C-alpha atoms as a PDB file:
ATOM      1  CA  UNK A   1     154.793  73.503  64.401  1.00  0.00           C
ATOM      2  CA  UNK A   2     156.184  71.767  67.455  1.00  0.00           C
ATOM      3  CA  UNK A   3     154.271  69.210  69.489  1.00  0.00           C
ATOM      4  CA  UNK A   4     154.269  71.558  72.485  1.00  0.00           C
ATOM      5  CA  UNK A   5     152.771  74.359  70.410  1.00  0.00           C
ATOM      6  CA  UNK A   6     150.167  71.951  69.004  1.00  0.00           C
ATOM      7  CA  UNK A   7     149.053  71.138  72.566  1.00  0.00           C
ATOM      8  CA  UNK A   8     148.768  74.849  73.379  1.00  0.00           C
ATOM      9  CA  UNK A   9     146.674  75.404  70.256  1.00  0.00           C
ATOM     10  CA  UNK A  10     144.516  72.406  71.142  1.00  0.00           C
ATOM     11  CA  UNK A  11     143.938  73.794  74.644  1.00  0.00           C
ATOM     12  CA  UNK A  12     142.827  77.127  73.192  1.00  0.00           C
ATOM     13  CA  UNK A  13     140.570  75.293  70.731  1.00  0.00           C
ATOM     14  CA  UNK A  14     138.993  73.424  73.659  1.00  0.00           C
ATOM     15  CA  UNK A  15     138.381  76.661  75.571  1.00  0.00           C
ATOM     16  CA  UNK A  16     136.783  78.176  72.476  1.00  0.00           C
ATOM     17  CA  UNK A  17     134.567  75.113  72.269  1.00  0.00           C
ATOM     18  CA  UNK A  18     133.344  75.884  75.776  1.00  0.00           C
ATOM     19  CA  UNK A  19     132.593  79.440  74.613  1.00  0.00           C
ATOM     20  CA  UNK A  20     130.475  78.413  71.649  1.00  0.00           C
ATOM     21  CA  UNK A  21     128.708  75.653  73.549  1.00  0.00           C
ATOM     22  CA  UNK A  22     127.686  78.090  76.297  1.00  0.00           C
ATOM     23  CA  UNK A  23     126.961  80.720  73.647  1.00  0.00           C
ATOM     24  CA  UNK A  24     124.323  78.449  72.146  1.00  0.00           C
ATOM     25  CA  UNK A  25     122.208  78.974  75.253  1.00  0.00           C
ATOM     26  CA  UNK A  26     122.372  82.749  74.848  1.00  0.00           C
ATOM     27  CA  UNK A  27     121.471  82.773  71.131  1.00  0.00           C
ATOM     28  CA  UNK A  28     117.921  81.631  71.940  1.00  0.00           C
ATOM     29  CA  UNK A  29     117.794  79.532  68.795  1.00  0.00           C
ATOM     30  CA  UNK A  30     119.944  82.002  66.841  1.00  0.00           C
ATOM     31  CA  UNK A  31     117.316  84.719  67.255  1.00  0.00           C
ATOM     32  CA  UNK A  32     119.707  87.115  69.074  1.00  0.00           C
ATOM     33  CA  UNK A  33     122.276  88.660  66.758  1.00  0.00           C
ATOM     34  CA  UNK A  34     125.126  89.434  69.190  1.00  0.00           C
ATOM     35  CA  UNK A  35     125.256  86.037  70.883  1.00  0.00           C
ATOM     36  CA  UNK A  36     124.769  84.331  67.510  1.00  0.00           C
ATOM     37  CA  UNK A  37     127.758  86.125  65.991  1.00  0.00           C
ATOM     38  CA  UNK A  38     129.854  85.313  69.073  1.00  0.00           C
ATOM     39  CA  UNK A  39     128.835  81.654  68.953  1.00  0.00           C
ATOM     40  CA  UNK A  40     129.496  81.210  65.234  1.00  0.00           C
ATOM     41  CA  UNK A  41     132.839  83.045  65.459  1.00  0.00           C
ATOM     42  CA  UNK A  42     134.097  80.979  68.381  1.00  0.00           C
ATOM     43  CA  UNK A  43     132.835  77.812  66.671  1.00  0.00           C
ATOM     44  CA  UNK A  44     134.794  78.592  63.524  1.00  0.00           C
ATOM     45  CA  UNK A  45     137.931  79.548  65.474  1.00  0.00           C
ATOM     46  CA  UNK A  46     137.709  76.406  67.605  1.00  0.00           C
ATOM     47  CA  UNK A  47     137.384  74.145  64.569  1.00  0.00           C
ATOM     48  CA  UNK A  48     140.242  75.902  62.787  1.00  0.00           C
ATOM     49  CA  UNK A  49     142.570  75.512  65.766  1.00  0.00           C
ATOM     50  CA  UNK A  50     141.547  71.859  66.167  1.00  0.00           C
ATOM     51  CA  UNK A  51     142.438  71.307  62.505  1.00  0.00           C
ATOM     52  CA  UNK A  52     145.814  72.996  62.988  1.00  0.00           C
ATOM     53  CA  UNK A  53     146.640  70.975  66.108  1.00  0.00           C
ATOM     54  CA  UNK A  54     145.625  67.738  64.382  1.00  0.00           C
ATOM     55  CA  UNK A  55     148.288  68.354  61.747  1.00  0.00           C
ATOM     56  CA  UNK A  56     150.826  67.408  64.439  1.00  0.00           C
ATOM     57  CA  UNK A  57     148.861  65.401  67.010  1.00  0.00           C
ATOM     58  CA  UNK A  58     147.030  62.130  66.328  1.00  0.00           C
ATOM     59  CA  UNK A  59     143.434  62.956  65.344  1.00  0.00           C
ATOM     60  CA  UNK A  60     141.913  60.524  67.854  1.00  0.00           C
ATOM     61  CA  UNK A  61     143.848  62.143  70.679  1.00  0.00           C
ATOM     62  CA  UNK A  62     143.279  65.715  69.492  1.00  0.00           C
ATOM     63  CA  UNK A  63     139.556  65.233  68.955  1.00  0.00           C
ATOM     64  CA  UNK A  64     139.108  63.368  72.238  1.00  0.00           C
ATOM     65  CA  UNK A  65     140.887  66.063  74.228  1.00  0.00           C
ATOM     66  CA  UNK A  66     139.013  68.837  72.379  1.00  0.00           C
ATOM     67  CA  UNK A  67     135.627  67.241  73.052  1.00  0.00           C
ATOM     68  CA  UNK A  68     136.586  66.485  76.654  1.00  0.00           C
ATOM     69  CA  UNK A  69     137.618  70.070  77.379  1.00  0.00           C
ATOM     70  CA  UNK A  70     134.433  71.341  75.777  1.00  0.00           C
ATOM     71  CA  UNK A  71     132.150  68.912  77.568  1.00  0.00           C
ATOM     72  CA  UNK A  72     133.761  69.423  80.942  1.00  0.00           C
ATOM     73  CA  UNK A  73     133.872  73.206  80.596  1.00  0.00           C
ATOM     74  CA  UNK A  74     130.273  73.437  79.414  1.00  0.00           C
ATOM     75  CA  UNK A  75     129.082  71.207  82.241  1.00  0.00           C
ATOM     76  CA  UNK A  76     130.968  73.199  84.881  1.00  0.00           C
ATOM     77  CA  UNK A  77     129.788  76.552  83.526  1.00  0.00           C
ATOM     78  CA  UNK A  78     126.261  75.145  83.245  1.00  0.00           C
ATOM     79  CA  UNK A  79     126.354  74.496  86.965  1.00  0.00           C
ATOM     80  CA  UNK A  80     127.427  78.070  87.746  1.00  0.00           C
ATOM     81  CA  UNK A  81     125.601  80.050  85.047  1.00  0.00           C
ATOM     82  CA  UNK A  82     122.375  78.092  84.620  1.00  0.00           C
ATOM     83  CA  UNK A  83     121.956  76.408  88.011  1.00  0.00           C
ATOM     84  CA  UNK A  84     122.290  72.937  86.502  1.00  0.00           C
ATOM     85  CA  UNK A  85     122.631  70.060  88.945  1.00  0.00           C
ATOM     86  CA  UNK A  86     125.909  69.444  90.739  1.00  0.00           C
ATOM     87  CA  UNK A  87     125.259  66.119  92.411  1.00  0.00           C
ATOM     88  CA  UNK A  88     128.222  64.204  93.820  1.00  0.00           C
ATOM     89  CA  UNK A  89     127.788  61.577  91.103  1.00  0.00           C
ATOM     90  CA  UNK A  90     127.841  64.202  88.332  1.00  0.00           C
ATOM     91  CA  UNK A  91     130.976  65.766  89.806  1.00  0.00           C
ATOM     92  CA  UNK A  92     132.542  62.313  90.038  1.00  0.00           C
ATOM     93  CA  UNK A  93     131.972  61.713  86.330  1.00  0.00           C
ATOM     94  CA  UNK A  94     133.334  65.153  85.475  1.00  0.00           C
ATOM     95  CA  UNK A  95     136.419  64.117  87.431  1.00  0.00           C
ATOM     96  CA  UNK A  96     136.633  60.946  85.358  1.00  0.00           C
ATOM     97  CA  UNK A  97     136.429  63.077  82.231  1.00  0.00           C
ATOM     98  CA  UNK A  98     139.388  65.101  83.481  1.00  0.00           C
ATOM     99  CA  UNK A  99     141.325  61.880  84.119  1.00  0.00           C
ATOM    100  CA  UNK A 100     140.517  60.746  80.562  1.00  0.00           C
ATOM    101  CA  UNK A 101     141.755  64.041  79.077  1.00  0.00           C
ATOM    102  CA  UNK A 102     145.001  63.831  81.046  1.00  0.00           C
ATOM    103  CA  UNK A 103     145.356  60.155  80.111  1.00  0.00           C
ATOM    104  CA  UNK A 104     145.008  60.940  76.410  1.00  0.00           C
ATOM    105  CA  UNK A 105     147.651  63.635  76.727  1.00  0.00           C
ATOM    106  CA  UNK A 106     150.073  61.397  78.614  1.00  0.00           C
ATOM    107  CA  UNK A 107     149.696  58.445  76.238  1.00  0.00           C
ATOM    108  CA  UNK A 108     150.025  60.357  72.977  1.00  0.00           C
ATOM    109  CA  UNK A 109     153.244  60.307  71.048  1.00  0.00           C
END
Protein backbone atom coordinates (compact mmCIF):
# COMPACT_ATOMS: atom_id res chain seq x y z
CA UNK A 1 0.00 0.00 0.00
CA UNK A 2 1.29 3.45 -0.84
CA UNK A 3 1.72 6.22 1.71
CA UNK A 4 -0.97 8.27 -0.03
CA UNK A 5 -3.43 5.40 0.18
CA UNK A 6 -2.54 4.87 3.85
CA UNK A 7 -3.48 8.50 4.56
CA UNK A 8 -6.81 8.05 2.76
CA UNK A 9 -7.52 4.92 4.81
CA UNK A 10 -6.55 6.75 7.99
CA UNK A 11 -8.93 9.60 7.14
CA UNK A 12 -11.78 7.13 6.63
CA UNK A 13 -10.86 5.42 9.91
CA UNK A 14 -11.04 8.81 11.66
CA UNK A 15 -14.47 9.54 10.18
CA UNK A 16 -15.68 6.13 11.31
CA UNK A 17 -14.39 6.95 14.78
CA UNK A 18 -16.63 10.01 14.78
CA UNK A 19 -19.54 7.74 13.81
CA UNK A 20 -19.05 5.28 16.65
CA UNK A 21 -18.34 7.99 19.20
CA UNK A 22 -21.59 9.78 18.32
CA UNK A 23 -23.34 6.42 18.07
CA UNK A 24 -22.54 5.76 21.72
CA UNK A 25 -24.96 8.52 22.67
CA UNK A 26 -27.76 6.89 20.68
CA UNK A 27 -27.24 3.38 22.09
CA UNK A 28 -28.47 4.53 25.52
CA UNK A 29 -26.01 2.25 27.26
CA UNK A 30 -26.27 -0.41 24.55
CA UNK A 31 -29.96 -0.91 25.30
CA UNK A 32 -31.07 0.01 21.74
CA UNK A 33 -30.27 -2.70 19.21
CA UNK A 34 -30.02 -0.66 15.98
CA UNK A 35 -27.72 2.06 17.29
CA UNK A 36 -25.69 -0.56 19.18
CA UNK A 37 -25.08 -2.60 16.02
CA UNK A 38 -24.16 0.58 14.12
CA UNK A 39 -21.77 1.67 16.86
CA UNK A 40 -20.03 -1.69 17.20
CA UNK A 41 -19.74 -2.10 13.42
CA UNK A 42 -18.23 1.34 12.88
CA UNK A 43 -15.92 0.78 15.87
CA UNK A 44 -14.61 -2.46 14.39
CA UNK A 45 -14.22 -0.94 10.91
CA UNK A 46 -12.43 2.11 12.31
CA UNK A 47 -9.97 -0.01 14.29
CA UNK A 48 -9.33 -2.28 11.31
CA UNK A 49 -8.58 0.66 9.01
CA UNK A 50 -6.34 2.24 11.66
CA UNK A 51 -4.41 -1.03 11.85
CA UNK A 52 -4.06 -1.14 8.07
CA UNK A 53 -2.87 2.47 7.84
CA UNK A 54 -0.37 1.91 10.65
CA UNK A 55 1.31 -0.79 8.57
CA UNK A 56 2.69 2.06 6.44
CA UNK A 57 2.51 5.15 8.65
CA UNK A 58 4.31 5.59 11.98
CA UNK A 59 1.98 4.40 14.76
CA UNK A 60 2.40 7.57 16.83
CA UNK A 61 1.38 9.70 13.87
CA UNK A 62 -1.44 7.40 12.74
CA UNK A 63 -2.92 7.07 16.21
CA UNK A 64 -2.59 10.78 16.95
CA UNK A 65 -4.32 11.77 13.72
CA UNK A 66 -7.03 9.11 14.21
CA UNK A 67 -7.78 10.28 17.75
CA UNK A 68 -7.65 13.93 16.68
CA UNK A 69 -10.14 13.43 13.86
CA UNK A 70 -12.43 11.50 16.18
CA UNK A 71 -12.23 14.00 19.01
CA UNK A 72 -12.70 17.01 16.79
CA UNK A 73 -15.55 15.44 14.83
CA UNK A 74 -17.35 14.25 17.95
CA UNK A 75 -17.00 17.66 19.58
CA UNK A 76 -18.30 19.49 16.50
CA UNK A 77 -21.23 17.11 16.03
CA UNK A 78 -21.94 17.32 19.77
CA UNK A 79 -22.40 21.04 19.35
CA UNK A 80 -24.87 20.60 16.49
CA UNK A 81 -26.69 17.40 17.50
CA UNK A 82 -26.76 17.65 21.29
CA UNK A 83 -26.58 21.41 21.89
CA UNK A 84 -23.23 21.13 23.65
CA UNK A 85 -21.43 24.38 24.39
CA UNK A 86 -19.67 26.27 21.62
CA UNK A 87 -17.84 28.95 23.56
CA UNK A 88 -15.10 30.91 21.79
CA UNK A 89 -12.50 29.21 23.98
CA UNK A 90 -13.79 25.73 23.10
CA UNK A 91 -13.75 26.59 19.40
CA UNK A 92 -10.22 27.95 19.80
CA UNK A 93 -9.03 24.65 21.25
CA UNK A 94 -10.79 22.70 18.51
CA UNK A 95 -8.84 24.88 16.09
CA UNK A 96 -5.63 23.97 17.90
CA UNK A 97 -6.57 20.32 17.55
CA UNK A 98 -6.92 20.82 13.80
CA UNK A 99 -3.49 22.48 13.70
CA UNK A 100 -2.05 19.50 15.60
CA UNK A 101 -3.58 17.01 13.14
CA UNK A 102 -2.21 18.93 10.17
CA UNK A 103 1.16 19.26 11.91
CA UNK A 104 1.38 15.51 12.47
CA UNK A 105 0.57 14.91 8.81
CA UNK A 106 3.14 17.42 7.58
CA UNK A 107 5.94 16.16 9.83
CA UNK A 108 5.50 12.45 9.16
CA UNK A 109 7.81 10.63 6.83
